[in-house]
Amino acid sequence: MATVAALFLSLQAALIPTVVYVAVVWWFDRYEREPFWLLAITFIWGAIPAIVLALVLELLFDLPIRVLVTPEGADFIGAALLAPAIEECVKALPLAAIFLFYRREFDGVLDGLLYGALVGFGFAMTENIFYFLGAFFENGWSGWGLVVFLRAVIFGLNHALFTAVTGAALGYSRYALSRPKRLAAPFLGLGGAIVLHATHNAFVATGTAACLISLLADWLGVLAVGVVALFAARTESRLIMEELREEVGAGLLTPGAALAAASFRRRWHDRQALTRTAGPGAAARLARMHTAAAELALKKRQFRLHGNERGNEAEIAALRREITRLGV
């Protein structure tokens, strides 16, 4: 019975914080929502295939290390060097796939942060379940509670933080003006993620005092990523306004509609007002128009920087037709 309870509570302790963290990160993506199916695949990759692949690779690389060094040395190398490098590379795979094959859904730094964080949250959720159960079997409920507090709360954002750095670098690369920057940014981002991950693991592995240093570094990293996300959101809002000026001049959008497309607060205000006067159906129609206008702005930006790429011109025309159909 105790084992069943531990399994049930471990699942809840891993799932509930993840839902909260994902909701907070998803809130930042307010102007042009990413496709739900792509977000789901990204999260699932982190939760299942990434865990399995990382475990297999870590076991394969760990064997020769243990032949060459002492068990204590092998444990430290595995935790501080091997695991961070393998796990961050594995978690970066879906980000690279989206960047290469679904470029139209990769609109910049904010999207990169979102996709990277989702991979990290999925990875941490599954990993935590095993850590929670292991703590229960080794030290009972007291050990279980301590590990849950540390991994789900104190260090609960770590995996998302690390992989978000990779995603943000890919997002930067998407619109970098020089070719050297476009080529270097993804590798620098992945390297930064590995260094952050390795630093955390190294400090935690060395003892309690060093763990406090790791805690400070991790939360400073979370704060820095949060600032970058806010800045990216503000930049995206400004870019939407700039790209929609032409549409306002052409009569496709009113100035108020263009402003609402670039302002979450204005969107909410306009929809609430329309709900009171015309009902929820009209408000839902307005919401779709705001989203289409934001998508149009970002597609115009892609077309301006990268040309037709993979059908940008056709998508721009389709979005204009959609806005006309929905009305202003």
Protein backbone atom coordinates (compact mmCIF):
# COMPACT_ATOMS: atom_id res chain seq x y z
CA MET A 1 0.00 0.00 0.00
CA ALA A 2 2.83 2.43 0.85
CA THR A 3 4.43 1.80 -2.53
CA VAL A 4 1.19 2.54 -4.35
CA ALA A 5 0.77 5.73 -2.32
CA ALA A 6 4.36 6.75 -3.09
CA LEU A 7 3.81 6.14 -6.80
CA PHE A 8 0.55 8.13 -6.83
CA LEU A 9 1.97 11.04 -4.84
CA SER A 10 5.18 11.06 -6.90
CA LEU A 11 3.15 11.36 -10.08
CA GLN A 12 1.17 14.24 -8.59
CA ALA A 13 4.29 15.96 -7.23
CA ALA A 14 5.88 15.81 -10.67
CA LEU A 15 2.78 16.73 -12.68
CA ILE A 16 1.22 19.59 -10.71
CA PRO A 17 4.26 21.92 -10.64
CA THR A 18 4.86 21.15 -14.31
CA VAL A 19 1.34 22.28 -15.22
CA VAL A 20 1.86 25.52 -13.30
CA TYR A 21 5.26 26.20 -14.85
CA VAL A 22 4.03 25.44 -18.38
CA ALA A 23 1.05 27.76 -17.92
CA VAL A 24 3.32 30.62 -16.83
CA VAL A 25 5.69 30.15 -19.78
CA TRP A 26 2.79 29.76 -22.24
CA TRP A 27 1.37 33.09 -21.01
CA PHE A 28 4.37 34.91 -22.45
CA ASP A 29 3.42 33.74 -25.96
CA ARG A 30 0.42 36.08 -26.12
CA TYR A 31 0.35 37.60 -29.57
CA GLU A 32 0.72 34.70 -31.98
CA ARG A 33 0.14 31.35 -30.30
CA GLU A 34 2.23 28.41 -31.44
CA PRO A 35 0.36 25.36 -32.80
CA PHE A 36 -0.81 23.21 -29.91
CA TRP A 37 0.22 19.98 -31.65
CA LEU A 38 3.78 21.25 -32.06
CA LEU A 39 3.96 22.34 -28.41
CA ALA A 40 2.61 18.94 -27.34
CA ILE A 41 5.16 17.02 -29.43
CA THR A 42 7.95 19.17 -28.02
CA PHE A 43 6.87 18.49 -24.44
CA ILE A 44 6.37 14.76 -25.08
CA TRP A 45 9.83 14.49 -26.63
CA GLY A 46 11.33 15.84 -23.44
CA ALA A 47 9.17 13.60 -21.26
CA ILE A 48 9.78 10.23 -22.97
CA PRO A 49 12.20 9.85 -25.93
CA ALA A 50 14.74 12.33 -24.57
CA ILE A 51 14.85 10.55 -21.21
CA VAL A 52 15.32 7.14 -22.82
CA LEU A 53 17.93 8.32 -25.32
CA ALA A 54 19.89 10.25 -22.68
CA LEU A 55 19.90 7.26 -20.34
CA VAL A 56 21.18 4.91 -23.04
CA LEU A 57 23.93 7.31 -24.13
CA GLU A 58 25.00 8.04 -20.56
CA LEU A 59 25.32 4.33 -19.82
CA LEU A 60 27.36 3.76 -22.98
CA PHE A 61 29.79 6.61 -22.27
CA ASP A 62 29.95 5.85 -18.56
CA LEU A 63 31.42 2.37 -19.04
CA PRO A 64 34.85 3.42 -20.42
CA ILE A 65 35.08 6.24 -17.88
CA ARG A 66 34.72 3.77 -15.02
CA VAL A 67 37.54 1.69 -16.46
CA LEU A 68 39.88 4.67 -16.49
CA VAL A 69 39.16 6.44 -13.19
CA THR A 70 38.05 5.68 -9.63
CA PRO A 71 34.36 5.14 -8.88
CA GLU A 72 34.20 8.52 -7.09
CA GLY A 73 35.84 10.25 -10.05
CA ALA A 74 33.53 8.50 -12.49
CA ASP A 75 30.48 9.62 -10.50
CA PHE A 76 31.63 13.23 -10.57
CA ILE A 77 32.52 13.17 -14.28
CA GLY A 78 29.18 11.56 -15.07
CA ALA A 79 27.21 14.13 -13.10
CA ALA A 80 29.18 17.27 -13.89
CA LEU A 81 30.29 16.66 -17.49
CA LEU A 82 28.73 13.66 -19.17
CA ALA A 83 25.07 14.10 -18.17
CA PRO A 84 24.86 17.84 -18.98
CA ALA A 85 26.41 17.44 -22.43
CA ILE A 86 24.29 14.44 -23.41
CA GLU A 87 21.02 15.70 -21.94
CA GLU A 88 21.26 19.17 -23.46
CA CYS A 89 22.13 17.76 -26.88
CA VAL A 90 19.24 15.32 -26.71
CA LYS A 91 16.82 18.02 -25.56
CA ALA A 92 18.00 20.30 -28.38
CA LEU A 93 16.99 17.82 -31.09
CA PRO A 94 13.30 18.85 -31.38
CA LEU A 95 14.31 22.52 -31.32
CA ALA A 96 16.64 21.93 -34.24
CA ALA A 97 13.90 20.00 -36.06
CA ILE A 98 11.39 22.84 -35.63
CA PHE A 99 14.01 25.38 -36.67
CA LEU A 100 14.87 23.45 -39.84
CA PHE A 101 11.55 21.96 -40.93
CA TYR A 102 8.90 24.23 -39.36
CA ARG A 103 10.69 27.56 -39.72
CA ARG A 104 7.42 29.43 -40.23
CA GLU A 105 6.51 28.54 -36.63
CA PHE A 106 9.85 29.78 -35.27
CA ASP A 107 9.27 33.53 -35.10
CA GLY A 108 12.16 34.60 -32.88
CA VAL A 109 13.62 34.52 -29.39
CA LEU A 110 10.27 34.26 -27.63
CA ASP A 111 9.28 31.14 -29.58
CA GLY A 112 12.70 29.64 -28.93
CA LEU A 113 12.32 30.21 -25.19
CA LEU A 114 8.87 28.62 -25.25
CA TYR A 115 9.88 25.50 -27.16
CA GLY A 116 13.07 25.09 -25.14
CA ALA A 117 11.28 25.46 -21.82
CA LEU A 118 8.64 22.90 -22.81
CA VAL A 119 11.27 20.30 -23.67
CA GLY A 120 12.92 20.98 -20.30
CA PHE A 121 9.67 20.74 -18.37
CA GLY A 122 8.83 17.42 -19.99
CA PHE A 123 12.29 16.06 -19.24
CA ALA A 124 12.22 17.25 -15.62
CA MET A 125 8.74 15.85 -15.01
CA THR A 126 9.67 12.29 -15.98
CA GLU A 127 13.08 12.46 -14.33
CA ASN A 128 11.50 13.71 -11.11
CA ILE A 129 9.14 10.76 -10.90
CA PHE A 130 12.08 8.37 -10.75
CA TYR A 131 13.98 10.55 -8.29
CA PHE A 132 10.94 10.82 -6.01
CA LEU A 133 10.37 7.08 -5.97
CA GLY A 134 14.07 6.42 -5.41
CA ALA A 135 14.08 8.79 -2.43
CA PHE A 136 11.07 7.03 -0.93
CA PHE A 137 12.59 3.56 -1.23
CA GLU A 138 15.91 4.75 0.22
CA ASN A 139 14.80 7.10 3.02
CA GLY A 140 11.05 6.78 3.42
CA TRP A 141 8.60 9.67 3.47
CA SER A 142 11.01 12.15 5.03
CA GLY A 143 13.53 11.63 2.23
CA TRP A 144 10.71 11.74 -0.32
CA GLY A 145 9.47 15.10 0.97
CA LEU A 146 12.93 16.65 0.91
CA VAL A 147 13.64 15.54 -2.66
CA VAL A 148 10.22 16.73 -3.84
CA PHE A 149 10.83 20.14 -2.30
CA LEU A 150 14.30 20.44 -3.83
CA ARG A 151 13.58 19.10 -7.32
CA ALA A 152 10.01 20.32 -7.89
CA VAL A 153 10.26 23.72 -6.18
CA ILE A 154 13.78 24.92 -5.45
CA PHE A 155 15.34 23.55 -8.65
CA GLY A 156 12.07 23.01 -10.51
CA LEU A 157 12.88 25.38 -13.37
CA ASN A 158 16.40 24.17 -14.06
CA HIS A 159 15.89 21.90 -17.05
CA ALA A 160 13.59 24.47 -18.64
CA LEU A 161 16.18 27.18 -17.99
CA PHE A 162 19.01 25.23 -19.60
CA THR A 163 17.17 24.28 -22.79
CA ALA A 164 15.51 27.70 -23.06
CA VAL A 165 19.00 29.11 -23.59
CA THR A 166 19.42 26.84 -26.60
CA GLY A 167 15.99 27.81 -27.91
CA ALA A 168 16.59 31.53 -27.45
CA ALA A 169 19.84 31.27 -29.40
CA LEU A 170 18.04 29.53 -32.26
CA GLY A 171 15.40 32.26 -32.17
CA TYR A 172 18.10 34.92 -32.36
CA SER A 173 19.72 33.08 -35.25
CA ARG A 174 16.39 33.14 -37.10
CA TYR A 175 16.64 36.89 -37.66
CA ALA A 176 20.34 37.65 -37.25
CA LEU A 177 21.42 39.87 -40.13
CA SER A 178 24.94 38.50 -40.62
CA ARG A 179 25.71 34.95 -41.71
CA PRO A 180 28.43 34.39 -39.04
CA LYS A 181 25.97 35.30 -36.30
CA ARG A 182 23.29 33.03 -37.75
CA LEU A 183 25.73 30.11 -37.84
CA ALA A 184 27.39 30.71 -34.46
CA ALA A 185 24.36 31.52 -32.31
CA PRO A 186 22.87 27.99 -32.10
CA PHE A 187 26.20 26.45 -31.08
CA LEU A 188 26.86 29.20 -28.54
CA GLY A 189 23.36 28.69 -27.12
CA LEU A 190 23.83 24.93 -26.81
CA GLY A 191 27.24 25.50 -25.24
CA GLY A 192 25.73 27.94 -22.77
CA ALA A 193 23.04 25.43 -21.83
CA ILE A 194 25.65 22.73 -21.23
CA VAL A 195 27.81 25.06 -19.13
CA LEU A 196 24.84 26.14 -16.98
CA HIS A 197 23.78 22.52 -16.51
CA ALA A 198 27.33 21.37 -15.74
CA THR A 199 27.86 24.20 -13.26
CA HIS A 200 24.70 23.30 -11.40
CA ASN A 201 25.55 19.60 -11.25
CA ALA A 202 29.16 20.22 -10.21
CA PHE A 203 28.21 22.47 -7.31
CA VAL A 204 25.42 20.15 -6.13
CA ALA A 205 27.77 17.15 -6.27
CA THR A 206 30.38 18.81 -4.05
CA GLY A 207 28.25 19.40 -0.95
CA THR A 208 25.76 21.55 0.94
CA ALA A 209 27.67 24.85 0.88
CA ALA A 210 28.33 24.63 -2.84
CA CYS A 211 24.68 23.69 -3.36
CA LEU A 212 23.74 27.16 -2.08
CA ILE A 213 25.99 28.69 -4.73
CA SER A 214 24.24 26.56 -7.32
CA LEU A 215 20.87 27.73 -6.03
CA LEU A 216 21.89 31.37 -6.38
CA ALA A 217 23.30 30.82 -9.87
CA ASP A 218 20.20 28.91 -11.01
CA TRP A 219 17.75 31.55 -9.84
CA LEU A 220 19.84 34.35 -11.30
CA GLY A 221 19.66 32.41 -14.56
CA VAL A 222 15.89 32.09 -14.26
CA LEU A 223 15.66 35.83 -13.58
CA ALA A 224 17.83 36.58 -16.61
CA VAL A 225 15.71 34.37 -18.88
CA GLY A 226 12.56 36.03 -17.51
CA VAL A 227 13.96 39.45 -18.37
CA VAL A 228 14.87 38.24 -21.86
CA ALA A 229 11.35 36.84 -22.30
CA LEU A 230 9.75 40.14 -21.27
CA PHE A 231 12.07 42.07 -23.57
CA ALA A 232 11.35 39.65 -26.43
CA ALA A 233 7.60 40.03 -25.86
CA ARG A 234 7.89 43.83 -25.96
CA THR A 235 10.03 43.63 -29.09
CA GLU A 236 7.51 41.33 -30.76
CA SER A 237 4.71 43.76 -29.90
CA ARG A 238 6.63 46.67 -31.43
CA LEU A 239 7.43 44.67 -34.57
CA ILE A 240 3.77 43.73 -35.01
CA MET A 241 2.79 47.40 -34.88
CA GLU A 242 5.49 48.34 -37.38
CA GLU A 243 4.51 45.63 -39.86
CA LEU A 244 0.79 46.42 -39.62
CA ARG A 245 1.13 50.12 -40.48
CA GLU A 246 0.97 49.23 -44.16
CA GLU A 247 -2.22 47.23 -43.58
CA VAL A 248 -3.81 50.17 -41.78
CA GLY A 249 -2.85 52.48 -44.66
CA ALA A 250 -4.35 50.01 -47.16
CA GLY A 251 -7.61 49.84 -45.19
CA LEU A 252 -7.31 46.18 -44.23
CA LEU A 253 -7.17 47.03 -40.52
CA THR A 254 -8.32 49.94 -38.43
CA PRO A 255 -5.73 51.62 -36.20
CA GLY A 256 -7.49 50.18 -33.18
CA ALA A 257 -7.39 46.64 -34.56
CA ALA A 258 -3.67 46.95 -35.32
CA LEU A 259 -3.03 48.22 -31.81
CA ALA A 260 -5.01 45.33 -30.32
CA ALA A 261 -3.05 42.80 -32.39
CA ALA A 262 0.12 44.09 -30.70
CA SER A 263 -1.28 44.55 -27.18
CA PHE A 264 -2.64 41.77 -25.00
CA ARG A 265 -4.29 44.29 -22.68
CA ARG A 266 -6.02 46.04 -25.60
CA ARG A 267 -7.15 42.71 -27.02
CA TRP A 268 -8.72 41.72 -23.72
CA HIS A 269 -10.44 45.10 -23.35
CA ASP A 270 -11.87 45.07 -26.89
CA ARG A 271 -13.13 41.50 -26.61
CA GLN A 272 -14.82 42.15 -23.28
CA ALA A 273 -16.52 45.23 -24.69
CA LEU A 274 -17.72 43.33 -27.77
CA THR A 275 -18.96 40.44 -25.61
CA ARG A 276 -21.21 42.87 -23.73
CA THR A 277 -22.59 44.49 -26.88
CA ALA A 278 -22.67 41.70 -29.47
CA GLY A 279 -22.20 38.45 -27.58
CA PRO A 280 -19.42 35.85 -27.19
CA GLY A 281 -19.61 34.74 -30.83
CA ALA A 282 -18.62 38.17 -32.09
CA ALA A 283 -15.87 38.38 -29.49
CA ALA A 284 -14.48 35.00 -30.59
CA ARG A 285 -14.48 36.25 -34.19
CA LEU A 286 -12.59 39.35 -33.11
CA ALA A 287 -10.05 37.17 -31.25
CA ARG A 288 -9.38 35.17 -34.41
CA MET A 289 -8.94 38.40 -36.36
CA HIS A 290 -6.43 39.73 -33.81
CA THR A 291 -4.45 36.50 -34.00
CA ALA A 292 -4.50 36.52 -37.81
CA ALA A 293 -3.28 40.13 -37.81
CA ALA A 294 -0.37 39.24 -35.52
CA GLU A 295 0.49 36.24 -37.69
CA LEU A 296 0.35 38.46 -40.77
CA ALA A 297 2.81 40.90 -39.19
CA LEU A 298 5.29 38.17 -38.34
CA LYS A 299 4.99 36.54 -41.76
CA LYS A 300 5.64 39.93 -43.39
CA ARG A 301 8.74 40.25 -41.27
CA GLN A 302 9.91 36.80 -42.36
CA PHE A 303 9.25 37.69 -46.00
CA ARG A 304 11.12 40.99 -45.68
CA LEU A 305 14.20 39.32 -44.18
CA HIS A 306 14.24 35.91 -45.87
CA GLY A 307 12.12 36.26 -48.99
CA ASN A 308 9.46 33.73 -49.90
CA GLU A 309 11.25 31.01 -47.86
CA ARG A 310 8.72 28.19 -47.65
CA GLY A 311 5.58 29.86 -48.92
CA ASN A 312 5.62 33.13 -46.95
CA GLU A 313 4.09 35.07 -49.82
CA ALA A 314 1.14 32.69 -50.14
CA GLU A 315 0.61 32.69 -46.38
CA ILE A 316 0.59 36.50 -46.30
CA ALA A 317 -2.10 36.54 -48.99
CA ALA A 318 -4.14 33.90 -47.15
CA LEU A 319 -3.93 35.82 -43.87
CA ARG A 320 -5.12 39.01 -45.55
CA ARG A 321 -8.10 37.12 -46.96
CA GLU A 322 -8.80 35.68 -43.51
CA ILE A 323 -8.77 39.14 -41.92
CA THR A 324 -11.10 40.44 -44.64
CA ARG A 325 -13.49 37.52 -44.07
CA LEU A 326 -13.54 38.01 -40.32
CA GLY A 327 -14.08 41.75 -40.62
CA VAL A 328 -12.87 44.52 -38.31
